[in-house]
Amino acid sequence: MKIRHLTALALLCVGTAHAQSAKQLDQQADAMMKASFREQGIAKMDRVEQDAAQKACSAAKPPPATVAKKIEAQQLAAIKWPSDGQFIGDWKEGEKLAQNGRGMTWTDASATPGKNGAMCYNCHQIDKKEISFGSIGPSLWNYGKLRGVTDPADPAQAAIVKYTWGKLWNSKAYAACSEMPRFGHAELLTEAQIRDLMALLLDPKSPVNQ
């Protein structure tokens, strides 16, 4: 959560007469976040509550490598793999999801998984035809093609398929302080939606891999 880093920086700039510890800055940032957030619609106070991984990565002092590795191991163990063993869905639906930025705002009627978009375009290039896209994350153009995925059902290509699912489900399993949403872990997307995003990234027929 970058906003917490900015809050800590603001506290340093506006500051007090004496130097503050990283713990004090974290406590003040946490208090400011809770004081400035109010419930409205489906946006409840639980949105400012963090689990251990989020707290470690939002702290004024970044977690040491040993802590980061522990976070990754815990998050990897929490990944839920496809209940029916099927990793790949419909790339056409996946493309719609990737370009959909709706959901989870206080004006939405429900926070139920299945109603949200994946908003991939905010951080990634998906298609060469796009005229606007984010650059926080790497380009996804030719994602499967560059990794040699010609048939996602081929056991020889299972490692890339499994990694991609895991990354979409819980990005912190592979990078403790990843800024990518934990789509499955946080119940932002359903299992079926993640399958469709998998198809967008890995199906040779997907425009991503042309």
N, C-alpha and C. Protein backbone atom coordinates (compact mmCIF):
# COMPACT_ATOMS: atom_id res chain seq x y z
N MET A 1 0.84 -1.19 0.00
CA MET A 1 0.00 0.00 0.00
C MET A 1 0.87 1.24 0.00
N LYS A 2 1.09 1.83 -1.14
CA LYS A 2 1.96 2.98 -1.28
C LYS A 2 1.51 4.15 -0.43
N ILE A 3 0.21 4.28 -0.23
CA ILE A 3 -0.31 5.43 0.51
C ILE A 3 0.24 5.48 1.92
N ARG A 4 0.52 4.29 2.49
CA ARG A 4 1.06 4.26 3.84
C ARG A 4 2.50 4.75 3.85
N HIS A 5 3.26 4.44 2.80
CA HIS A 5 4.62 4.96 2.70
C HIS A 5 4.60 6.48 2.59
N LEU A 6 3.66 6.99 1.81
CA LEU A 6 3.54 8.44 1.64
C LEU A 6 3.13 9.11 2.94
N THR A 7 2.26 8.43 3.69
CA THR A 7 1.84 8.98 4.97
C THR A 7 3.02 9.08 5.93
N ALA A 8 3.84 8.02 5.95
CA ALA A 8 5.01 8.03 6.81
C ALA A 8 5.97 9.14 6.40
N LEU A 9 6.12 9.34 5.08
CA LEU A 9 6.99 10.40 4.58
C LEU A 9 6.46 11.76 4.98
N ALA A 10 5.13 11.91 4.91
CA ALA A 10 4.52 13.19 5.30
C ALA A 10 4.78 13.48 6.77
N LEU A 11 4.73 12.43 7.58
CA LEU A 11 4.98 12.61 9.02
C LEU A 11 6.42 13.06 9.26
N LEU A 12 7.30 12.56 8.44
CA LEU A 12 8.70 12.95 8.58
C LEU A 12 8.90 14.41 8.19
N CYS A 13 8.20 14.82 7.14
CA CYS A 13 8.36 16.18 6.63
C CYS A 13 7.70 17.21 7.54
N VAL A 14 6.44 16.89 7.96
CA VAL A 14 5.72 17.84 8.78
C VAL A 14 6.35 17.83 10.18
N GLY A 15 6.56 16.61 10.65
CA GLY A 15 7.38 16.22 11.74
C GLY A 15 7.23 16.83 13.12
N THR A 16 8.00 16.24 13.99
CA THR A 16 8.10 16.71 15.36
C THR A 16 9.50 17.20 15.61
N ALA A 17 9.74 17.71 16.80
CA ALA A 17 11.03 18.30 17.10
C ALA A 17 12.11 17.24 17.31
N HIS A 18 11.73 16.00 17.50
CA HIS A 18 12.72 14.97 17.74
C HIS A 18 12.53 13.84 16.73
N ALA A 19 13.62 13.10 16.51
CA ALA A 19 13.57 11.98 15.56
C ALA A 19 12.65 10.89 16.09
N GLN A 20 11.87 10.29 15.18
CA GLN A 20 10.95 9.23 15.57
C GLN A 20 11.43 7.90 15.03
N SER A 21 11.14 6.86 15.77
CA SER A 21 11.53 5.52 15.34
C SER A 21 10.58 5.05 14.25
N ALA A 22 11.03 4.02 13.53
CA ALA A 22 10.19 3.45 12.48
C ALA A 22 8.89 2.93 13.09
N LYS A 23 8.95 2.36 14.29
CA LYS A 23 7.74 1.85 14.96
C LYS A 23 6.76 2.97 15.25
N GLN A 24 7.28 4.11 15.71
CA GLN A 24 6.40 5.25 15.99
C GLN A 24 5.74 5.77 14.71
N LEU A 25 6.52 5.83 13.63
CA LEU A 25 5.97 6.28 12.36
C LEU A 25 4.87 5.33 11.88
N ASP A 26 5.10 4.03 12.04
CA ASP A 26 4.10 3.04 11.64
C ASP A 26 2.82 3.21 12.46
N GLN A 27 2.97 3.43 13.75
CA GLN A 27 1.80 3.61 14.62
C GLN A 27 1.01 4.85 14.23
N GLN A 28 1.72 5.95 13.94
CA GLN A 28 1.05 7.18 13.56
C GLN A 28 0.36 7.04 12.20
N ALA A 29 1.04 6.37 11.26
CA ALA A 29 0.45 6.16 9.94
C ALA A 29 -0.82 5.32 10.05
N ASP A 30 -0.78 4.28 10.89
CA ASP A 30 -1.94 3.42 11.08
C ASP A 30 -3.10 4.21 11.69
N ALA A 31 -2.79 5.04 12.68
CA ALA A 31 -3.83 5.84 13.32
C ALA A 31 -4.44 6.85 12.34
N MET A 32 -3.61 7.47 11.50
CA MET A 32 -4.10 8.44 10.52
C MET A 32 -5.00 7.77 9.49
N MET A 33 -4.61 6.57 9.04
CA MET A 33 -5.42 5.85 8.06
C MET A 33 -6.80 5.53 8.64
N LYS A 34 -6.83 5.03 9.87
CA LYS A 34 -8.10 4.65 10.48
C LYS A 34 -8.96 5.88 10.79
N ALA A 35 -8.31 6.98 11.15
CA ALA A 35 -9.06 8.19 11.48
C ALA A 35 -9.65 8.86 10.24
N SER A 36 -8.99 8.69 9.10
CA SER A 36 -9.42 9.39 7.89
C SER A 36 -10.36 8.56 7.02
N PHE A 37 -10.53 7.28 7.34
CA PHE A 37 -11.39 6.40 6.55
C PHE A 37 -12.75 6.28 7.22
N ARG A 38 -13.80 6.36 6.44
CA ARG A 38 -15.14 6.17 6.99
C ARG A 38 -15.90 5.16 6.14
N GLU A 39 -16.75 4.43 6.80
CA GLU A 39 -17.55 3.43 6.09
C GLU A 39 -18.59 4.10 5.21
N GLN A 40 -18.76 3.55 4.02
CA GLN A 40 -19.82 4.01 3.14
C GLN A 40 -20.14 2.91 2.13
N GLY A 41 -21.40 2.58 2.02
CA GLY A 41 -21.79 1.51 1.10
C GLY A 41 -21.12 0.21 1.46
N ILE A 42 -20.54 -0.45 0.45
CA ILE A 42 -19.88 -1.74 0.70
C ILE A 42 -18.47 -1.58 1.25
N ALA A 43 -17.96 -0.34 1.27
CA ALA A 43 -16.61 -0.09 1.80
C ALA A 43 -16.67 0.00 3.32
N LYS A 44 -16.23 -1.06 4.00
CA LYS A 44 -16.28 -1.12 5.45
C LYS A 44 -14.88 -0.91 6.05
N MET A 45 -14.85 -0.74 7.38
CA MET A 45 -13.59 -0.47 8.06
C MET A 45 -12.58 -1.60 7.94
N ASP A 46 -13.04 -2.79 7.63
CA ASP A 46 -12.09 -3.90 7.50
C ASP A 46 -11.10 -3.68 6.36
N ARG A 47 -11.40 -2.72 5.50
CA ARG A 47 -10.48 -2.46 4.38
C ARG A 47 -9.16 -1.83 4.83
N VAL A 48 -9.13 -1.25 5.99
CA VAL A 48 -7.88 -0.66 6.47
C VAL A 48 -7.16 -1.59 7.44
N GLU A 49 -7.76 -2.76 7.69
CA GLU A 49 -7.09 -3.76 8.52
C GLU A 49 -6.14 -4.57 7.63
N GLN A 50 -4.93 -4.81 8.12
CA GLN A 50 -3.93 -5.52 7.32
C GLN A 50 -3.55 -6.85 7.94
N ASP A 51 -3.25 -7.82 7.09
CA ASP A 51 -2.70 -9.06 7.62
C ASP A 51 -1.20 -8.88 7.83
N ALA A 52 -0.54 -9.89 8.35
CA ALA A 52 0.88 -9.77 8.70
C ALA A 52 1.75 -9.41 7.51
N ALA A 53 1.44 -9.98 6.35
CA ALA A 53 2.24 -9.70 5.15
C ALA A 53 2.10 -8.24 4.73
N GLN A 54 0.88 -7.73 4.73
CA GLN A 54 0.66 -6.33 4.36
C GLN A 54 1.32 -5.38 5.35
N LYS A 55 1.24 -5.69 6.63
CA LYS A 55 1.85 -4.83 7.64
C LYS A 55 3.36 -4.77 7.46
N ALA A 56 3.98 -5.91 7.21
CA ALA A 56 5.43 -5.95 7.04
C ALA A 56 5.87 -5.12 5.84
N CYS A 57 5.09 -5.15 4.77
CA CYS A 57 5.48 -4.45 3.55
C CYS A 57 5.05 -2.99 3.52
N SER A 58 4.16 -2.61 4.43
CA SER A 58 3.72 -1.23 4.51
C SER A 58 4.51 -0.43 5.55
N ALA A 59 5.34 -1.11 6.30
CA ALA A 59 6.09 -0.47 7.38
C ALA A 59 7.09 0.53 6.84
N ALA A 60 7.45 1.49 7.68
CA ALA A 60 8.42 2.51 7.29
C ALA A 60 9.77 1.88 6.95
N LYS A 61 10.07 0.78 7.62
CA LYS A 61 11.32 0.06 7.38
C LYS A 61 11.00 -1.24 6.65
N PRO A 62 11.49 -1.43 5.42
CA PRO A 62 11.18 -2.64 4.65
C PRO A 62 11.58 -3.90 5.40
N PRO A 63 10.86 -5.00 5.20
CA PRO A 63 11.21 -6.25 5.89
C PRO A 63 12.54 -6.82 5.41
N PRO A 64 13.33 -7.40 6.31
CA PRO A 64 14.59 -8.02 5.89
C PRO A 64 14.32 -9.24 5.02
N ALA A 65 15.34 -9.70 4.34
CA ALA A 65 15.19 -10.82 3.39
C ALA A 65 14.64 -12.06 4.07
N THR A 66 15.03 -12.32 5.31
CA THR A 66 14.54 -13.52 6.01
C THR A 66 13.04 -13.45 6.24
N VAL A 67 12.55 -12.26 6.58
CA VAL A 67 11.11 -12.07 6.80
C VAL A 67 10.36 -12.17 5.47
N ALA A 68 10.94 -11.58 4.42
CA ALA A 68 10.31 -11.64 3.10
C ALA A 68 10.15 -13.08 2.63
N LYS A 69 11.17 -13.90 2.85
CA LYS A 69 11.11 -15.31 2.45
C LYS A 69 10.04 -16.05 3.24
N LYS A 70 9.90 -15.71 4.51
CA LYS A 70 8.88 -16.35 5.34
C LYS A 70 7.48 -15.97 4.86
N ILE A 71 7.32 -14.68 4.50
CA ILE A 71 6.03 -14.24 3.97
C ILE A 71 5.69 -15.01 2.70
N GLU A 72 6.65 -15.12 1.80
CA GLU A 72 6.43 -15.81 0.53
C GLU A 72 6.03 -17.27 0.76
N ALA A 73 6.70 -17.92 1.69
CA ALA A 73 6.39 -19.33 1.97
C ALA A 73 4.97 -19.47 2.52
N GLN A 74 4.59 -18.57 3.42
CA GLN A 74 3.24 -18.62 4.00
C GLN A 74 2.17 -18.35 2.94
N GLN A 75 2.43 -17.38 2.08
CA GLN A 75 1.46 -17.04 1.04
C GLN A 75 1.35 -18.15 -0.01
N LEU A 76 2.47 -18.79 -0.32
CA LEU A 76 2.47 -19.89 -1.28
C LEU A 76 1.63 -21.05 -0.75
N ALA A 77 1.77 -21.31 0.54
CA ALA A 77 1.02 -22.41 1.15
C ALA A 77 -0.49 -22.13 1.17
N ALA A 78 -0.86 -20.84 1.08
CA ALA A 78 -2.28 -20.46 1.14
C ALA A 78 -2.97 -20.47 -0.23
N ILE A 79 -2.20 -20.67 -1.30
CA ILE A 79 -2.80 -20.66 -2.64
C ILE A 79 -3.77 -21.83 -2.80
N LYS A 80 -4.94 -21.55 -3.37
CA LYS A 80 -5.91 -22.59 -3.68
C LYS A 80 -5.82 -22.89 -5.17
N TRP A 81 -5.49 -24.10 -5.49
CA TRP A 81 -5.36 -24.49 -6.88
C TRP A 81 -6.73 -24.86 -7.45
N PRO A 82 -6.88 -24.92 -8.76
CA PRO A 82 -8.20 -25.18 -9.36
C PRO A 82 -8.89 -26.40 -8.74
N SER A 83 -10.11 -26.21 -8.31
CA SER A 83 -10.84 -27.28 -7.62
C SER A 83 -11.10 -28.48 -8.53
N ASP A 84 -11.19 -28.21 -9.84
CA ASP A 84 -11.45 -29.30 -10.79
C ASP A 84 -10.22 -29.66 -11.61
N GLY A 85 -9.07 -29.06 -11.26
CA GLY A 85 -7.84 -29.36 -11.98
C GLY A 85 -7.69 -28.63 -13.30
N GLN A 86 -8.68 -27.80 -13.66
CA GLN A 86 -8.65 -27.09 -14.93
C GLN A 86 -8.09 -25.68 -14.72
N PHE A 87 -6.99 -25.38 -15.38
CA PHE A 87 -6.34 -24.08 -15.23
C PHE A 87 -6.79 -23.06 -16.28
N ILE A 88 -7.26 -23.53 -17.41
CA ILE A 88 -7.52 -22.65 -18.56
C ILE A 88 -9.00 -22.50 -18.86
N GLY A 89 -9.44 -21.26 -19.03
CA GLY A 89 -10.83 -20.97 -19.35
C GLY A 89 -10.98 -20.41 -20.75
N ASP A 90 -11.69 -19.30 -20.86
CA ASP A 90 -12.01 -18.67 -22.15
C ASP A 90 -11.25 -17.35 -22.26
N TRP A 91 -10.34 -17.26 -23.21
CA TRP A 91 -9.52 -16.04 -23.32
C TRP A 91 -10.36 -14.81 -23.68
N LYS A 92 -11.47 -15.03 -24.38
CA LYS A 92 -12.33 -13.89 -24.75
C LYS A 92 -12.92 -13.24 -23.50
N GLU A 93 -13.33 -14.09 -22.55
CA GLU A 93 -13.83 -13.56 -21.28
C GLU A 93 -12.69 -12.95 -20.47
N GLY A 94 -11.53 -13.56 -20.59
CA GLY A 94 -10.35 -13.04 -19.89
C GLY A 94 -9.95 -11.66 -20.40
N GLU A 95 -10.10 -11.45 -21.69
CA GLU A 95 -9.78 -10.13 -22.27
C GLU A 95 -10.74 -9.07 -21.74
N LYS A 96 -12.01 -9.41 -21.62
CA LYS A 96 -12.99 -8.47 -21.07
C LYS A 96 -12.63 -8.12 -19.62
N LEU A 97 -12.25 -9.12 -18.86
CA LEU A 97 -11.88 -8.91 -17.47
C LEU A 97 -10.66 -8.00 -17.34
N ALA A 98 -9.66 -8.26 -18.18
CA ALA A 98 -8.40 -7.50 -18.12
C ALA A 98 -8.62 -6.02 -18.41
N GLN A 99 -9.63 -5.72 -19.22
CA GLN A 99 -9.91 -4.32 -19.59
C GLN A 99 -11.03 -3.72 -18.75
N ASN A 100 -11.47 -4.45 -17.74
CA ASN A 100 -12.57 -3.98 -16.89
C ASN A 100 -12.02 -3.47 -15.57
N GLY A 101 -12.24 -2.19 -15.29
CA GLY A 101 -11.74 -1.59 -14.06
C GLY A 101 -12.80 -1.35 -13.01
N ARG A 102 -13.95 -1.97 -13.16
CA ARG A 102 -15.06 -1.72 -12.23
C ARG A 102 -15.01 -2.66 -11.03
N GLY A 103 -15.66 -2.22 -9.95
CA GLY A 103 -15.82 -3.07 -8.79
C GLY A 103 -15.15 -2.56 -7.53
N MET A 104 -15.69 -2.97 -6.39
CA MET A 104 -15.15 -2.73 -5.05
C MET A 104 -15.22 -1.27 -4.59
N THR A 105 -15.95 -0.41 -5.31
CA THR A 105 -16.10 0.97 -4.85
C THR A 105 -17.33 1.05 -3.96
N TRP A 106 -17.42 2.11 -3.15
CA TRP A 106 -18.54 2.22 -2.22
C TRP A 106 -19.89 2.36 -2.93
N THR A 107 -19.85 2.76 -4.21
CA THR A 107 -21.10 2.92 -4.96
C THR A 107 -21.61 1.60 -5.53
N ASP A 108 -20.78 0.54 -5.54
CA ASP A 108 -21.22 -0.75 -6.07
C ASP A 108 -22.21 -1.39 -5.12
N ALA A 109 -23.13 -2.13 -5.69
CA ALA A 109 -24.19 -2.75 -4.88
C ALA A 109 -23.68 -3.91 -4.04
N SER A 110 -22.63 -4.58 -4.52
CA SER A 110 -22.16 -5.76 -3.80
C SER A 110 -20.66 -5.95 -3.99
N ALA A 111 -20.03 -6.57 -2.99
CA ALA A 111 -18.61 -6.90 -3.08
C ALA A 111 -18.43 -8.38 -3.42
N THR A 112 -19.50 -9.03 -3.82
CA THR A 112 -19.47 -10.46 -4.13
C THR A 112 -18.50 -10.75 -5.28
N PRO A 113 -17.58 -11.71 -5.11
CA PRO A 113 -16.68 -12.08 -6.20
C PRO A 113 -17.47 -12.46 -7.45
N GLY A 114 -16.98 -12.07 -8.58
CA GLY A 114 -17.68 -12.33 -9.84
C GLY A 114 -18.24 -11.05 -10.44
N LYS A 115 -18.31 -10.00 -9.61
CA LYS A 115 -18.84 -8.72 -10.07
C LYS A 115 -17.71 -7.74 -10.42
N ASN A 116 -16.48 -8.12 -10.13
CA ASN A 116 -15.36 -7.20 -10.31
C ASN A 116 -14.58 -7.46 -11.59
N GLY A 117 -13.94 -6.41 -12.09
CA GLY A 117 -13.01 -6.56 -13.19
C GLY A 117 -11.61 -6.82 -12.64
N ALA A 118 -10.68 -7.18 -13.51
CA ALA A 118 -9.31 -7.44 -13.08
C ALA A 118 -8.42 -6.21 -13.24
N MET A 119 -8.88 -5.25 -14.05
CA MET A 119 -8.18 -3.99 -14.30
C MET A 119 -6.68 -4.16 -14.59
N CYS A 120 -6.32 -5.19 -15.36
CA CYS A 120 -4.91 -5.46 -15.68
C CYS A 120 -4.26 -4.30 -16.43
N TYR A 121 -5.06 -3.60 -17.25
CA TYR A 121 -4.53 -2.51 -18.06
C TYR A 121 -3.96 -1.37 -17.22
N ASN A 122 -4.35 -1.30 -15.94
CA ASN A 122 -3.84 -0.23 -15.09
C ASN A 122 -2.33 -0.34 -14.87
N CYS A 123 -1.81 -1.56 -14.93
CA CYS A 123 -0.40 -1.79 -14.62
C CYS A 123 0.39 -2.46 -15.74
N HIS A 124 -0.30 -3.05 -16.71
CA HIS A 124 0.39 -3.83 -17.74
C HIS A 124 -0.07 -3.48 -19.15
N GLN A 125 0.84 -3.65 -20.10
CA GLN A 125 0.44 -3.66 -21.51
C GLN A 125 -0.04 -5.07 -21.82
N ILE A 126 -1.19 -5.17 -22.46
CA ILE A 126 -1.76 -6.48 -22.76
C ILE A 126 -1.72 -6.76 -24.26
N ASP A 127 -2.00 -5.73 -25.04
CA ASP A 127 -2.11 -5.89 -26.49
C ASP A 127 -1.40 -4.73 -27.18
N LYS A 128 -0.75 -5.00 -28.27
CA LYS A 128 -0.03 -3.96 -29.02
C LYS A 128 -0.98 -2.89 -29.57
N LYS A 129 -2.26 -3.21 -29.66
CA LYS A 129 -3.22 -2.25 -30.18
C LYS A 129 -3.64 -1.22 -29.12
N GLU A 130 -3.32 -1.47 -27.86
CA GLU A 130 -3.70 -0.54 -26.79
C GLU A 130 -3.00 0.80 -26.97
N ILE A 131 -3.73 1.87 -26.74
CA ILE A 131 -3.13 3.20 -26.83
C ILE A 131 -2.85 3.77 -25.45
N SER A 132 -3.35 3.10 -24.43
CA SER A 132 -3.12 3.57 -23.06
C SER A 132 -3.04 2.37 -22.13
N PHE A 133 -2.00 2.33 -21.32
CA PHE A 133 -1.86 1.23 -20.35
C PHE A 133 -0.83 1.65 -19.30
N GLY A 134 -0.87 0.98 -18.15
CA GLY A 134 0.05 1.29 -17.07
C GLY A 134 1.41 0.63 -17.28
N SER A 135 2.38 1.09 -16.53
CA SER A 135 3.73 0.54 -16.66
C SER A 135 4.33 0.17 -15.30
N ILE A 136 3.48 0.08 -14.26
CA ILE A 136 3.97 -0.36 -12.95
C ILE A 136 4.47 -1.79 -13.05
N GLY A 137 3.73 -2.61 -13.79
CA GLY A 137 4.12 -4.00 -13.99
C GLY A 137 4.68 -4.22 -15.38
N PRO A 138 5.29 -5.36 -15.63
CA PRO A 138 5.87 -5.66 -16.94
C PRO A 138 4.80 -5.85 -18.01
N SER A 139 5.20 -5.70 -19.25
CA SER A 139 4.28 -5.96 -20.35
C SER A 139 3.90 -7.43 -20.35
N LEU A 140 2.63 -7.71 -20.65
CA LEU A 140 2.15 -9.08 -20.74
C LEU A 140 2.04 -9.54 -22.19
N TRP A 141 2.45 -8.68 -23.10
CA TRP A 141 2.41 -9.01 -24.52
C TRP A 141 3.27 -10.25 -24.78
N ASN A 142 2.70 -11.24 -25.45
CA ASN A 142 3.36 -12.51 -25.77
C ASN A 142 3.77 -13.30 -24.52
N TYR A 143 3.01 -13.13 -23.45
CA TYR A 143 3.35 -13.78 -22.17
C TYR A 143 3.58 -15.29 -22.34
N GLY A 144 2.61 -15.98 -22.91
CA GLY A 144 2.75 -17.41 -23.07
C GLY A 144 3.74 -17.79 -24.16
N LYS A 145 3.74 -17.03 -25.24
CA LYS A 145 4.61 -17.32 -26.37
C LYS A 145 6.08 -17.23 -25.98
N LEU A 146 6.43 -16.20 -25.22
CA LEU A 146 7.82 -16.02 -24.79
C LEU A 146 8.28 -17.12 -23.84
N ARG A 147 7.33 -17.74 -23.17
CA ARG A 147 7.66 -18.79 -22.20
C ARG A 147 7.49 -20.19 -22.79
N GLY A 148 7.26 -20.24 -24.09
CA GLY A 148 7.19 -21.52 -24.78
C GLY A 148 5.95 -22.34 -24.53
N VAL A 149 4.85 -21.68 -24.16
CA VAL A 149 3.61 -22.42 -23.90
C VAL A 149 2.82 -22.53 -25.21
N THR A 150 2.85 -23.71 -25.77
CA THR A 150 2.11 -23.97 -27.01
C THR A 150 0.83 -24.75 -26.74
N ASP A 151 0.77 -25.40 -25.59
CA ASP A 151 -0.42 -26.15 -25.18
C ASP A 151 -0.45 -26.16 -23.66
N PRO A 152 -1.29 -25.32 -23.05
CA PRO A 152 -1.33 -25.25 -21.58
C PRO A 152 -1.66 -26.57 -20.89
N ALA A 153 -2.23 -27.53 -21.63
CA ALA A 153 -2.57 -28.82 -21.05
C ALA A 153 -1.40 -29.80 -21.09
N ASP A 154 -0.32 -29.44 -21.76
CA ASP A 154 0.85 -30.30 -21.88
C ASP A 154 1.57 -30.38 -20.53
N PRO A 155 1.76 -31.58 -19.97
CA PRO A 155 2.44 -31.72 -18.68
C PRO A 155 3.84 -31.11 -18.67
N ALA A 156 4.48 -31.06 -19.83
CA ALA A 156 5.83 -30.52 -19.91
C ALA A 156 5.85 -29.02 -19.66
N GLN A 157 4.70 -28.38 -19.81
CA GLN A 157 4.61 -26.93 -19.62
C GLN A 157 3.89 -26.58 -18.32
N ALA A 158 3.71 -27.58 -17.48
CA ALA A 158 2.92 -27.42 -16.25
C ALA A 158 3.51 -26.40 -15.28
N ALA A 159 4.83 -26.29 -15.25
CA ALA A 159 5.47 -25.38 -14.28
C ALA A 159 5.07 -23.94 -14.53
N ILE A 160 5.07 -23.52 -15.81
CA ILE A 160 4.69 -22.15 -16.14
C ILE A 160 3.21 -21.92 -15.87
N VAL A 161 2.40 -22.91 -16.20
CA VAL A 161 0.95 -22.81 -15.99
C VAL A 161 0.66 -22.66 -14.49
N LYS A 162 1.31 -23.48 -13.68
CA LYS A 162 1.08 -23.44 -12.24
C LYS A 162 1.57 -22.13 -11.64
N TYR A 163 2.74 -21.67 -12.09
CA TYR A 163 3.27 -20.40 -11.60
C TYR A 163 2.31 -19.24 -11.91
N THR A 164 1.77 -19.24 -13.12
CA THR A 164 0.88 -18.16 -13.54
C THR A 164 -0.39 -18.15 -12.69
N TRP A 165 -0.93 -19.32 -12.43
CA TRP A 165 -2.11 -19.40 -11.56
C TRP A 165 -1.77 -18.84 -10.17
N GLY A 166 -0.64 -19.30 -9.63
CA GLY A 166 -0.24 -18.86 -8.30
C GLY A 166 -0.03 -17.36 -8.22
N LYS A 167 0.55 -16.79 -9.27
CA LYS A 167 0.80 -15.35 -9.30
C LYS A 167 -0.51 -14.57 -9.32
N LEU A 168 -1.49 -15.05 -10.07
CA LEU A 168 -2.79 -14.39 -10.11
C LEU A 168 -3.55 -14.58 -8.80
N TRP A 169 -3.42 -15.74 -8.21
CA TRP A 169 -4.16 -16.02 -6.98
C TRP A 169 -3.59 -15.22 -5.81
N ASN A 170 -2.25 -15.24 -5.68
CA ASN A 170 -1.61 -14.57 -4.55
C ASN A 170 -0.19 -14.17 -4.93
N SER A 171 -0.03 -12.96 -5.43
CA SER A 171 1.26 -12.50 -5.93
C SER A 171 2.34 -12.46 -4.86
N LYS A 172 1.95 -12.31 -3.60
CA LYS A 172 2.94 -12.25 -2.53
C LYS A 172 3.65 -13.59 -2.30
N ALA A 173 3.15 -14.65 -2.90
CA ALA A 173 3.80 -15.94 -2.79
C ALA A 173 5.13 -15.96 -3.54
N TYR A 174 5.30 -15.03 -4.47
CA TYR A 174 6.50 -15.00 -5.30
C TYR A 174 7.33 -13.73 -5.09
N ALA A 175 6.71 -12.70 -4.54
CA ALA A 175 7.41 -11.46 -4.20
C ALA A 175 6.66 -10.87 -3.01
N ALA A 176 7.27 -10.97 -1.84
CA ALA A 176 6.59 -10.64 -0.59
C ALA A 176 5.87 -9.29 -0.62
N CYS A 177 6.51 -8.30 -1.20
CA CYS A 177 5.93 -6.95 -1.20
C CYS A 177 5.41 -6.55 -2.57
N SER A 178 4.97 -7.53 -3.34
CA SER A 178 4.38 -7.25 -4.65
C SER A 178 3.21 -6.29 -4.53
N GLU A 179 3.09 -5.38 -5.49
CA GLU A 179 1.98 -4.43 -5.50
C GLU A 179 0.78 -4.95 -6.28
N MET A 180 0.92 -6.15 -6.83
CA MET A 180 -0.17 -6.75 -7.61
C MET A 180 -1.27 -7.25 -6.68
N PRO A 181 -2.52 -7.00 -7.02
CA PRO A 181 -3.63 -7.49 -6.18
C PRO A 181 -3.58 -9.01 -6.02
N ARG A 182 -3.95 -9.49 -4.85
CA ARG A 182 -4.03 -10.94 -4.61
C ARG A 182 -5.46 -11.37 -4.98
N PHE A 183 -5.67 -11.55 -6.28
CA PHE A 183 -7.02 -11.72 -6.81
C PHE A 183 -7.83 -12.84 -6.17
N GLY A 184 -7.22 -14.00 -6.02
CA GLY A 184 -7.93 -15.12 -5.43
C GLY A 184 -7.94 -15.05 -3.92
N HIS A 185 -6.79 -14.79 -3.34
CA HIS A 185 -6.63 -14.74 -1.89
C HIS A 185 -7.57 -13.72 -1.25
N ALA A 186 -7.69 -12.57 -1.88
CA ALA A 186 -8.54 -11.49 -1.36
C ALA A 186 -9.99 -11.60 -1.85
N GLU A 187 -10.29 -12.65 -2.59
CA GLU A 187 -11.64 -12.88 -3.13
C GLU A 187 -12.12 -11.72 -4.00
N LEU A 188 -11.20 -11.18 -4.78
CA LEU A 188 -11.56 -10.13 -5.73
C LEU A 188 -12.15 -10.74 -6.99
N LEU A 189 -11.63 -11.91 -7.37
CA LEU A 189 -12.11 -12.63 -8.55
C LEU A 189 -12.46 -14.06 -8.16
N THR A 190 -13.32 -14.67 -8.93
CA THR A 190 -13.68 -16.07 -8.69
C THR A 190 -12.67 -16.98 -9.37
N GLU A 191 -12.75 -18.24 -9.04
CA GLU A 191 -11.89 -19.24 -9.67
C GLU A 191 -12.12 -19.26 -11.19
N ALA A 192 -13.37 -19.15 -11.60
CA ALA A 192 -13.69 -19.16 -13.03
C ALA A 192 -13.08 -17.95 -13.73
N GLN A 193 -13.11 -16.80 -13.09
CA GLN A 193 -12.53 -15.60 -13.68
C GLN A 193 -11.02 -15.73 -13.82
N ILE A 194 -10.39 -16.32 -12.82
CA ILE A 194 -8.94 -16.52 -12.89
C ILE A 194 -8.59 -17.48 -14.02
N ARG A 195 -9.42 -18.50 -14.23
CA ARG A 195 -9.21 -19.41 -15.36
C ARG A 195 -9.26 -18.64 -16.68
N ASP A 196 -10.19 -17.69 -16.79
CA ASP A 196 -10.30 -16.91 -18.02
C ASP A 196 -9.08 -16.01 -18.23
N LEU A 197 -8.55 -15.44 -17.14
CA LEU A 197 -7.32 -14.65 -17.26
C LEU A 197 -6.14 -15.54 -17.65
N MET A 198 -6.13 -16.74 -17.12
CA MET A 198 -5.09 -17.71 -17.49
C MET A 198 -5.12 -17.97 -18.99
N ALA A 199 -6.31 -18.11 -19.54
CA ALA A 199 -6.44 -18.34 -20.98
C ALA A 199 -5.94 -17.15 -21.77
N LEU A 200 -6.24 -15.94 -21.30
CA LEU A 200 -5.78 -14.74 -21.98
C LEU A 200 -4.25 -14.73 -22.06
N LEU A 201 -3.60 -15.16 -21.00
CA LEU A 201 -2.15 -15.11 -20.93
C LEU A 201 -1.47 -16.29 -21.63
N LEU A 202 -2.12 -17.46 -21.63
CA LEU A 202 -1.42 -18.67 -22.07
C LEU A 202 -1.98 -19.36 -23.31
N ASP A 203 -3.22 -19.12 -23.65
CA ASP A 203 -3.80 -19.77 -24.83
C ASP A 203 -3.12 -19.23 -26.09
N PRO A 204 -2.57 -20.11 -26.93
CA PRO A 204 -1.91 -19.66 -28.16
C PRO A 204 -2.83 -18.87 -29.08
N LYS A 205 -4.15 -19.06 -28.94
CA LYS A 205 -5.10 -18.35 -29.80
C LYS A 205 -5.43 -16.95 -29.25
N SER A 206 -5.04 -16.69 -28.02
CA SER A 206 -5.30 -15.38 -27.41
C SER A 206 -4.55 -14.29 -28.15
N PRO A 207 -5.13 -13.09 -28.28
CA PRO A 207 -4.44 -11.97 -28.93
C PRO A 207 -3.12 -11.62 -28.22
N VAL A 208 -3.01 -11.98 -26.95
CA VAL A 208 -1.76 -11.71 -26.22
C VAL A 208 -0.58 -12.46 -26.87
N ASN A 209 -0.86 -13.61 -27.44
CA ASN A 209 0.22 -14.45 -27.96
C ASN A 209 0.35 -14.46 -29.47
N GLN A 210 -0.27 -13.47 -30.12
CA GLN A 210 -0.17 -13.39 -31.58
C GLN A 210 1.08 -12.60 -32.00
